[in-house]
Amino acid sequence: MTHSIVDAFALAIKTPAGTIIHTGDFKIDPTPLDGKKFDLHTLAAYGEQGVLALFSDSTNAEHSGYTASERSVNDRFESIFRTSKGRIILSCFTSSIPRLQLVVDQAKHYGRLVSFLGRRMAENTETAEELGFLKIAPGLVIRSKDIRNYPREKVCVVAGGCQGEPLSALSRLALDDHKDLKIDRGDTIVLSSRQIPGNERAIGRMIDHFYRRHAEIYYADGSQPPVHVSGHASEEELKLVVSLVKPRYFIPIHGTYRQLHRHARLVEKTSVVQDRIIVAETGNIIRFGPAGAEIAGKAPVGRVLIDEGSLEEVEEVVIRDRRHISEDGIILPIIAINKQTGMMEIPPEIIFRGVAFIEEERLLAESKQMLRETIGGASVEERGDWTVIKEKIRKDLKKFFYKQTAKRPFILPVILEI
């Protein structure tokens, strides 16, 4: 298969019920940069042997014709490198190694040194070079802290953050907040990527910031030659694949429900599918049997988040607490309690973080008084059990702040034994 990443491939899964083909992400690129063309012959061979079901990428099911080759952005890159007078700062998906190869080649041709900004961008390019997918001439890459030592017209910066991620290298550059580089008048910014749905506002704000810094900006605005091409198949390619495979059942995947529906209707018009087209959503269980294929239930699905340091799975309760704190802030009531008497030794303290109250001084004084009343009104047994007394404090403060502010900050009582 061909795609915007290297080594893309489909899966042919052989089961007792028959062969299932899963395309993965793909497009049919006639001129891939690595020379590995889309293997139509193997797909056709499976089609002749008989395929039970085809699961096929639907991302570009609404786009007519064919998706342009990855090479088609090279003409635009060449023009940008040839005409730009200042630095060139280009951003694309860090997995788009073929795109990065085009950038590196143009930089070398026009005598520019390359610097990779952003942890993920640096890691991916280093790995790709080690594996032989990215070919970089010796001496072409410089460290980000050395960018200032070279003339602006001799530098090309490749930065991560094409989706406007808040802490990415590109966003920091847009806000003039990067330690190694500052955008100057006449620098060129190239966003060689699509806007993933949901990121439009963040990307738009980032572009506005670059314009405020008087940079020249290129992004996917429909102009030709393109600065970005998709890695997903359009209508004619989708029809070609299903025509070669000739499955009994067809299941569109990877897309919004609208795209799945459009893909299903597109395939329906080809009259290639022998039995049935099934539009399934994430988590649906599809059962294949002698009586046919059907959606037989739903499995629990969702994201599995991994902690970067420990590589352990992050539990849902941790995510829920983090989301809670990010939305409503956190309040830390700190109480020093005498271990023998169970009474407070000194007045309580309350710390606000990430919360903004109009009458903060009043709320602070009243909440401290409530803490005194909660501790004073607790029984001897309650004051001797830190778990119980913490829960009483949390419940009372939660009720108080919601009544006063209609907010639910995360409340984390801290008890100090004296």
Protein backbone atom coordinates (compact mmCIF):
# COMPACT_ATOMS: atom_id res chain seq x y z
CA MET A 1 0.00 0.00 0.00
CA THR A 2 1.03 3.62 -0.40
CA HIS A 3 0.27 6.35 2.14
CA SER A 4 1.82 9.46 3.66
CA ILE A 5 3.87 7.29 6.05
CA VAL A 6 6.55 4.77 5.17
CA ASP A 7 5.95 1.02 5.01
CA ALA A 8 2.14 1.23 4.87
CA PHE A 9 0.49 -2.13 4.31
CA ALA A 10 -2.85 -3.91 4.31
CA LEU A 11 -3.77 -7.02 6.28
CA ALA A 12 -5.14 -10.23 4.77
CA ILE A 13 -6.50 -12.18 7.74
CA LYS A 14 -7.39 -15.81 7.06
CA THR A 15 -10.17 -17.21 9.25
CA PRO A 16 -12.28 -20.41 9.16
CA ALA A 17 -15.10 -18.31 7.72
CA GLY A 18 -12.93 -16.82 4.96
CA THR A 19 -10.32 -14.15 4.24
CA ILE A 20 -10.79 -10.64 5.64
CA ILE A 21 -8.84 -7.75 4.12
CA HIS A 22 -8.20 -4.59 6.14
CA THR A 23 -6.70 -1.82 3.99
CA GLY A 24 -5.38 0.43 6.75
CA ASP A 25 -4.84 4.04 5.64
CA PHE A 26 -3.98 4.19 1.94
CA LYS A 27 -4.06 5.94 -1.37
CA ILE A 28 -2.91 4.69 -4.76
CA ASP A 29 0.19 6.80 -5.41
CA PRO A 30 1.57 6.14 -8.92
CA THR A 31 4.90 7.85 -8.14
CA PRO A 32 5.80 7.20 -4.47
CA LEU A 33 9.07 8.70 -3.29
CA ASP A 34 10.48 5.35 -2.15
CA GLY A 35 9.58 3.67 -5.44
CA LYS A 36 7.37 1.06 -3.74
CA LYS A 37 4.19 1.19 -5.77
CA PHE A 38 0.73 0.13 -4.64
CA ASP A 39 0.44 -3.67 -5.05
CA LEU A 40 -2.72 -3.98 -7.13
CA HIS A 41 -1.79 -7.47 -8.34
CA THR A 42 -1.83 -9.01 -4.84
CA LEU A 43 -5.21 -7.47 -4.07
CA ALA A 44 -6.55 -8.82 -7.35
CA ALA A 45 -5.15 -12.28 -6.55
CA TYR A 46 -7.00 -12.32 -3.23
CA GLY A 47 -10.11 -11.23 -5.09
CA GLU A 48 -9.82 -14.23 -7.41
CA GLN A 49 -9.37 -16.59 -4.45
CA GLY A 50 -12.45 -15.18 -2.74
CA VAL A 51 -12.67 -12.58 0.05
CA LEU A 52 -15.21 -12.75 2.83
CA ALA A 53 -15.07 -9.07 3.84
CA LEU A 54 -13.23 -5.89 2.92
CA PHE A 55 -12.68 -3.21 5.57
CA SER A 56 -11.63 -0.07 3.71
CA ASP A 57 -10.40 3.46 4.59
CA SER A 58 -13.19 6.07 4.21
CA THR A 59 -11.39 9.33 5.06
CA ASN A 60 -11.63 10.81 1.55
CA ALA A 61 -14.87 9.10 0.45
CA GLU A 62 -16.36 12.54 -0.22
CA HIS A 63 -13.57 13.57 -2.60
CA SER A 64 -14.07 12.86 -6.29
CA GLY A 65 -11.37 11.65 -8.66
CA TYR A 66 -7.91 10.58 -7.49
CA THR A 67 -5.70 11.83 -4.65
CA ALA A 68 -2.58 13.57 -5.91
CA SER A 69 0.84 11.93 -5.57
CA GLU A 70 3.13 12.90 -2.71
CA ARG A 71 5.55 14.19 -5.34
CA SER A 72 3.08 16.90 -6.38
CA VAL A 73 3.99 19.09 -3.40
CA ASN A 74 7.62 19.20 -4.52
CA ASP A 75 6.96 21.84 -7.18
CA ARG A 76 5.51 24.16 -4.54
CA PHE A 77 8.38 23.42 -2.17
CA GLU A 78 10.87 24.18 -4.92
CA SER A 79 9.21 27.54 -5.59
CA ILE A 80 9.18 28.45 -1.90
CA PHE A 81 12.84 27.52 -1.38
CA ARG A 82 13.85 29.38 -4.55
CA THR A 83 12.10 32.65 -3.70
CA SER A 84 12.30 32.92 0.09
CA LYS A 85 14.81 35.46 1.39
CA GLY A 86 14.64 34.79 5.12
CA ARG A 87 14.43 31.63 7.15
CA ILE A 88 12.00 28.90 6.09
CA ILE A 89 10.02 27.35 8.93
CA LEU A 90 8.07 24.32 7.72
CA SER A 91 5.72 22.10 9.68
CA CYS A 92 4.03 18.82 8.78
CA PHE A 93 2.92 15.67 10.57
CA THR A 94 5.94 14.12 12.24
CA SER A 95 5.03 10.73 10.73
CA SER A 96 5.21 12.12 7.17
CA ILE A 97 8.75 10.93 6.49
CA PRO A 98 8.42 11.14 2.67
CA ARG A 99 7.35 14.78 3.04
CA LEU A 100 10.32 15.44 5.29
CA GLN A 101 12.60 13.86 2.67
CA LEU A 102 11.36 16.39 0.12
CA VAL A 103 12.14 19.22 2.54
CA VAL A 104 15.62 17.92 3.30
CA ASP A 105 16.37 17.51 -0.42
CA GLN A 106 15.22 21.04 -1.25
CA ALA A 107 17.22 22.48 1.64
CA LYS A 108 20.35 20.75 0.40
CA HIS A 109 19.74 21.87 -3.19
CA TYR A 110 19.36 25.53 -2.19
CA GLY A 111 22.21 25.56 0.31
CA ARG A 112 20.20 25.70 3.52
CA LEU A 113 21.05 23.92 6.76
CA VAL A 114 18.24 22.06 8.51
CA SER A 115 17.25 22.16 12.16
CA PHE A 116 14.49 20.01 13.66
CA LEU A 117 12.44 21.65 16.42
CA GLY A 118 10.18 19.77 18.81
CA ARG A 119 10.83 16.56 20.70
CA ARG A 120 8.60 14.33 18.58
CA MET A 121 9.93 15.78 15.33
CA ALA A 122 13.53 15.25 16.43
CA GLU A 123 12.83 11.70 17.65
CA ASN A 124 10.97 10.64 14.51
CA THR A 125 13.55 12.02 12.09
CA GLU A 126 16.39 10.45 14.07
CA THR A 127 14.66 7.06 14.03
CA ALA A 128 13.76 7.35 10.35
CA GLU A 129 17.38 8.14 9.50
CA GLU A 130 18.65 5.20 11.55
CA LEU A 131 16.26 2.84 9.72
CA GLY A 132 17.21 4.20 6.30
CA PHE A 133 13.84 5.80 5.53
CA LEU A 134 15.20 9.36 5.71
CA LYS A 135 18.44 10.17 3.92
CA ILE A 136 20.27 13.25 5.19
CA ALA A 137 23.66 14.37 3.91
CA PRO A 138 26.42 14.63 6.56
CA GLY A 139 26.71 18.12 8.02
CA LEU A 140 23.28 19.23 6.83
CA VAL A 141 21.59 19.19 10.26
CA ILE A 142 22.36 21.77 12.94
CA ARG A 143 21.24 22.02 16.56
CA SER A 144 18.42 24.42 17.34
CA LYS A 145 20.62 26.48 19.67
CA ASP A 146 23.03 27.10 16.76
CA ILE A 147 20.40 28.55 14.39
CA ARG A 148 21.33 32.13 15.33
CA ASN A 149 24.92 31.56 14.22
CA TYR A 150 23.93 31.25 10.55
CA PRO A 151 22.52 33.75 8.03
CA ARG A 152 18.72 33.65 7.86
CA GLU A 153 18.72 32.76 4.17
CA LYS A 154 20.85 29.69 4.94
CA VAL A 155 18.51 28.01 7.42
CA CYS A 156 15.45 25.79 7.11
CA VAL A 157 13.66 24.91 10.34
CA VAL A 158 11.35 21.88 10.46
CA ALA A 159 9.04 22.27 13.46
CA GLY A 160 6.45 20.05 15.07
CA GLY A 161 3.00 21.38 15.93
CA CYS A 162 1.18 21.75 12.61
CA GLN A 163 -2.18 21.31 14.41
CA GLY A 164 -1.64 24.30 16.69
CA GLU A 165 -0.91 22.24 19.81
CA PRO A 166 -0.46 24.78 22.65
CA LEU A 167 3.03 23.75 23.80
CA SER A 168 4.42 22.67 20.44
CA ALA A 169 7.50 24.20 18.86
CA LEU A 170 5.46 25.93 16.14
CA SER A 171 3.00 27.47 18.61
CA ARG A 172 5.88 28.76 20.71
CA LEU A 173 7.40 30.35 17.61
CA ALA A 174 4.07 31.97 16.77
CA LEU A 175 3.92 33.48 20.27
CA ASP A 176 7.59 34.56 20.20
CA ASP A 177 8.21 32.19 23.11
CA HIS A 178 10.90 29.84 21.77
CA LYS A 179 14.29 29.93 23.43
CA ASP A 180 16.30 29.27 20.26
CA LEU A 181 14.48 31.15 17.51
CA LYS A 182 12.47 34.30 16.89
CA ILE A 183 10.37 34.93 13.79
CA ASP A 184 11.59 38.02 11.89
CA ARG A 185 9.96 40.07 9.16
CA GLY A 186 10.29 38.23 5.84
CA ASP A 187 10.63 34.73 7.29
CA THR A 188 8.52 32.10 5.54
CA ILE A 189 6.11 29.78 7.36
CA VAL A 190 4.87 26.65 5.55
CA LEU A 191 2.04 24.54 7.02
CA SER A 192 2.24 21.37 4.94
CA SER A 193 -0.70 19.55 6.49
CA ARG A 194 -4.47 19.42 6.60
CA GLN A 195 -6.50 20.82 9.45
CA ILE A 196 -7.82 17.92 11.47
CA PRO A 197 -11.48 18.59 12.37
CA GLY A 198 -11.63 20.27 15.77
CA ASN A 199 -8.26 22.01 15.39
CA GLU A 200 -9.38 24.79 13.03
CA ARG A 201 -9.57 27.53 15.67
CA ALA A 202 -6.18 26.73 17.20
CA ILE A 203 -4.52 26.67 13.77
CA GLY A 204 -6.29 29.86 12.75
CA ARG A 205 -5.05 31.68 15.85
CA MET A 206 -1.53 30.42 15.22
CA ILE A 207 -1.60 31.68 11.62
CA ASP A 208 -2.84 35.08 12.84
CA HIS A 209 0.12 35.31 15.24
CA PHE A 210 2.56 34.59 12.41
CA TYR A 211 0.97 37.31 10.28
CA ARG A 212 1.39 39.74 13.18
CA ARG A 213 5.11 38.97 13.03
CA HIS A 214 5.12 39.95 9.32
CA ALA A 215 5.97 36.47 8.07
CA GLU A 216 5.07 35.04 4.66
CA ILE A 217 2.70 32.13 5.19
CA TYR A 218 1.76 29.19 2.97
CA TYR A 219 -0.92 26.68 3.92
CA ALA A 220 -3.42 24.37 2.21
CA ASP A 221 -5.79 27.00 0.79
CA GLY A 222 -6.60 25.27 -2.51
CA SER A 223 -3.92 27.02 -4.54
CA GLN A 224 -1.80 25.07 -7.03
CA PRO A 225 0.69 23.51 -6.94
CA PRO A 226 -0.42 22.28 -3.50
CA VAL A 227 1.58 22.70 -0.32
CA HIS A 228 -0.10 19.57 1.04
CA VAL A 229 -1.71 16.45 -0.41
CA SER A 230 -3.76 13.87 1.43
CA GLY A 231 -2.53 10.38 2.23
CA HIS A 232 -6.00 8.89 1.75
CA ALA A 233 -7.72 7.47 -1.32
CA SER A 234 -10.43 9.43 -3.14
CA GLU A 235 -13.52 8.03 -4.86
CA GLU A 236 -11.93 6.47 -7.95
CA GLU A 237 -9.22 4.72 -5.93
CA LEU A 238 -11.79 3.39 -3.46
CA LYS A 239 -13.86 1.98 -6.32
CA LEU A 240 -10.80 0.37 -7.89
CA VAL A 241 -9.84 -1.44 -4.67
CA VAL A 242 -13.30 -2.87 -4.04
CA SER A 243 -13.57 -3.89 -7.70
CA LEU A 244 -10.31 -5.84 -7.44
CA VAL A 245 -11.15 -7.51 -4.13
CA LYS A 246 -14.80 -8.36 -4.96
CA PRO A 247 -15.74 -9.14 -1.35
CA ARG A 248 -18.92 -10.83 -0.16
CA TYR A 249 -19.29 -8.15 2.50
CA PHE A 250 -18.03 -4.58 2.58
CA ILE A 251 -17.48 -2.53 5.78
CA PRO A 252 -16.29 1.09 5.44
CA ILE A 253 -13.97 2.17 8.29
CA HIS A 254 -11.84 5.10 9.47
CA GLY A 255 -13.97 8.19 9.13
CA THR A 256 -16.93 10.07 10.51
CA TYR A 257 -20.32 8.41 10.13
CA ARG A 258 -20.98 10.75 7.21
CA GLN A 259 -17.85 9.51 5.45
CA LEU A 260 -18.69 5.87 6.18
CA HIS A 261 -22.16 6.42 4.73
CA ARG A 262 -20.77 8.12 1.58
CA HIS A 263 -18.27 5.30 1.10
CA ALA A 264 -21.03 2.71 1.45
CA ARG A 265 -23.18 4.47 -1.17
CA LEU A 266 -20.20 4.78 -3.50
CA VAL A 267 -19.51 1.04 -3.30
CA GLU A 268 -23.19 0.24 -3.65
CA LYS A 269 -23.18 1.89 -7.08
CA THR A 270 -20.39 -0.41 -8.30
CA SER A 271 -22.55 -3.54 -7.79
CA VAL A 272 -19.35 -5.43 -6.89
CA VAL A 273 -20.22 -6.54 -3.34
CA GLN A 274 -21.87 -9.92 -3.54
CA ASP A 275 -23.95 -9.97 -0.34
CA ARG A 276 -24.18 -6.94 1.92
CA ILE A 277 -22.68 -3.57 2.85
CA ILE A 278 -22.53 -2.97 6.61
CA VAL A 279 -22.01 0.49 8.10
CA ALA A 280 -20.72 -0.16 11.61
CA GLU A 281 -19.61 2.24 14.31
CA THR A 282 -16.67 1.98 16.67
CA GLY A 283 -17.23 -0.88 19.10
CA ASN A 284 -19.81 -2.74 17.01
CA ILE A 285 -19.23 -6.50 16.94
CA ILE A 286 -19.73 -7.98 13.48
CA ARG A 287 -20.43 -11.70 13.35
CA PHE A 288 -19.84 -13.73 10.18
CA GLY A 289 -21.51 -17.10 9.96
CA PRO A 290 -23.37 -19.53 7.69
CA ALA A 291 -26.46 -17.35 7.89
CA GLY A 292 -24.56 -14.24 6.79
CA ALA A 293 -23.07 -11.23 8.55
CA GLU A 294 -24.66 -9.05 11.18
CA ILE A 295 -23.92 -6.56 13.94
CA ALA A 296 -24.18 -8.78 17.01
CA GLY A 297 -23.54 -6.37 19.86
CA LYS A 298 -21.14 -3.73 21.14
CA ALA A 299 -17.77 -4.08 22.84
CA PRO A 300 -16.36 -1.55 25.33
CA VAL A 301 -13.94 0.71 23.47
CA GLY A 302 -12.05 3.90 24.13
CA ARG A 303 -8.62 5.41 24.39
CA VAL A 304 -5.94 3.76 26.48
CA LEU A 305 -3.60 6.41 27.83
CA ILE A 306 -0.02 5.53 28.75
CA ASP A 307 2.08 7.49 31.22
CA GLU A 308 5.21 8.59 29.37
CA GLY A 309 7.53 8.06 32.34
CA SER A 310 6.42 4.71 33.71
CA LEU A 311 4.78 3.40 30.51
CA GLU A 312 1.92 2.21 32.71
CA GLU A 313 -1.71 2.63 31.75
CA VAL A 314 -3.31 5.75 33.22
CA GLU A 315 -6.54 4.82 34.95
CA GLU A 316 -9.80 6.58 34.14
CA VAL A 317 -10.05 8.02 37.65
CA VAL A 318 -6.73 9.84 37.12
CA ILE A 319 -7.94 11.30 33.85
CA ARG A 320 -11.21 12.33 35.47
CA ASP A 321 -9.38 14.11 38.30
CA ARG A 322 -7.06 15.89 35.87
CA ARG A 323 -10.00 17.02 33.78
CA HIS A 324 -11.81 18.19 36.91
CA ILE A 325 -8.81 20.23 38.06
CA SER A 326 -8.27 21.73 34.59
CA GLU A 327 -11.88 22.92 34.41
CA ASP A 328 -12.64 24.10 37.98
CA GLY A 329 -9.27 24.37 39.70
CA ILE A 330 -8.17 22.93 43.03
CA ILE A 331 -8.58 23.98 46.67
CA LEU A 332 -6.24 22.69 49.38
CA PRO A 333 -7.52 23.11 52.96
CA ILE A 334 -4.57 22.56 55.34
CA ILE A 335 -5.34 21.74 58.95
CA ALA A 336 -2.89 21.08 61.79
CA ILE A 337 -4.54 18.73 64.33
CA ASN A 338 -3.26 17.67 67.71
CA LYS A 339 -2.95 13.90 67.66
CA GLN A 340 -3.93 13.57 71.30
CA THR A 341 -6.95 15.89 71.47
CA GLY A 342 -8.09 15.79 67.86
CA MET A 343 -8.45 19.61 67.89
CA MET A 344 -6.80 22.23 65.66
CA GLU A 345 -3.60 23.70 67.05
CA ILE A 346 -3.39 26.71 64.71
CA PRO A 347 -5.89 28.43 62.40
CA PRO A 348 -6.51 26.56 59.13
CA GLU A 349 -5.07 27.63 55.78
CA ILE A 350 -6.77 27.37 52.41
CA ILE A 351 -4.88 27.55 49.12
CA PHE A 352 -6.64 28.28 45.80
CA ARG A 353 -5.09 27.21 42.50
CA GLY A 354 -6.71 27.62 39.09
CA VAL A 355 -9.85 29.22 40.52
CA ALA A 356 -11.05 32.80 40.22
CA PHE A 357 -13.64 34.11 42.64
CA ILE A 358 -15.05 37.63 42.54
CA GLU A 359 -15.18 37.94 46.33
CA GLU A 360 -12.12 35.87 47.09
CA GLU A 361 -11.31 37.47 50.46
CA ARG A 362 -14.84 36.93 51.78
CA LEU A 363 -14.97 33.35 50.51
CA LEU A 364 -11.57 32.64 52.03
CA ALA A 365 -12.61 33.95 55.45
CA GLU A 366 -15.98 32.17 55.43
CA SER A 367 -14.48 28.86 54.26
CA LYS A 368 -11.88 29.01 57.04
CA GLN A 369 -14.67 29.54 59.55
CA MET A 370 -16.52 26.57 58.08
CA LEU A 371 -13.40 24.44 58.58
CA ARG A 372 -13.31 25.41 62.25
CA GLU A 373 -16.98 24.50 62.62
CA THR A 374 -16.53 21.18 60.80
CA ILE A 375 -13.62 20.14 63.03
CA GLY A 376 -15.28 21.46 66.18
CA GLY A 377 -18.56 19.71 65.43
CA ALA A 378 -16.99 16.34 64.71
CA SER A 379 -17.15 13.58 67.31
CA VAL A 380 -14.06 12.28 69.09
CA GLU A 381 -14.17 9.11 66.95
CA GLU A 382 -14.39 11.17 63.74
CA ARG A 383 -11.49 13.42 64.72
CA GLY A 384 -9.40 10.32 65.39
CA ASP A 385 -10.00 8.90 61.91
CA TRP A 386 -8.25 11.05 59.28
CA THR A 387 -10.14 9.40 56.42
CA VAL A 388 -13.50 10.33 57.93
CA ILE A 389 -12.55 13.87 58.87
CA LYS A 390 -11.07 14.53 55.42
CA GLU A 391 -14.31 13.40 53.80
CA LYS A 392 -16.37 15.65 56.10
CA ILE A 393 -14.15 18.61 55.18
CA ARG A 394 -14.38 17.82 51.49
CA LYS A 395 -18.17 17.48 51.52
CA ASP A 396 -18.76 20.66 53.54
CA LEU A 397 -16.42 22.78 51.39
CA LYS A 398 -17.81 21.30 48.18
CA LYS A 399 -21.35 22.27 49.23
CA PHE A 400 -20.20 25.73 50.36
CA PHE A 401 -18.32 26.66 47.16
CA TYR A 402 -21.03 25.33 44.88
CA LYS A 403 -23.67 27.35 46.74
CA GLN A 404 -21.54 30.50 46.62
CA THR A 405 -20.04 30.23 43.11
CA ALA A 406 -21.87 27.45 41.20
CA LYS A 407 -18.44 25.87 40.66
CA ARG A 408 -17.09 22.50 41.77
CA PRO A 409 -13.33 22.87 42.37
CA PHE A 410 -11.33 19.76 43.23
CA ILE A 411 -10.95 19.75 47.02
CA LEU A 412 -7.96 17.95 48.51
CA PRO A 413 -7.80 18.21 52.33
CA VAL A 414 -4.34 18.00 53.90
CA ILE A 415 -4.09 17.11 57.60
CA LEU A 416 -0.87 17.64 59.56
CA GLU A 417 -0.43 15.71 62.78
CA ILE A 418 1.13 17.63 65.65
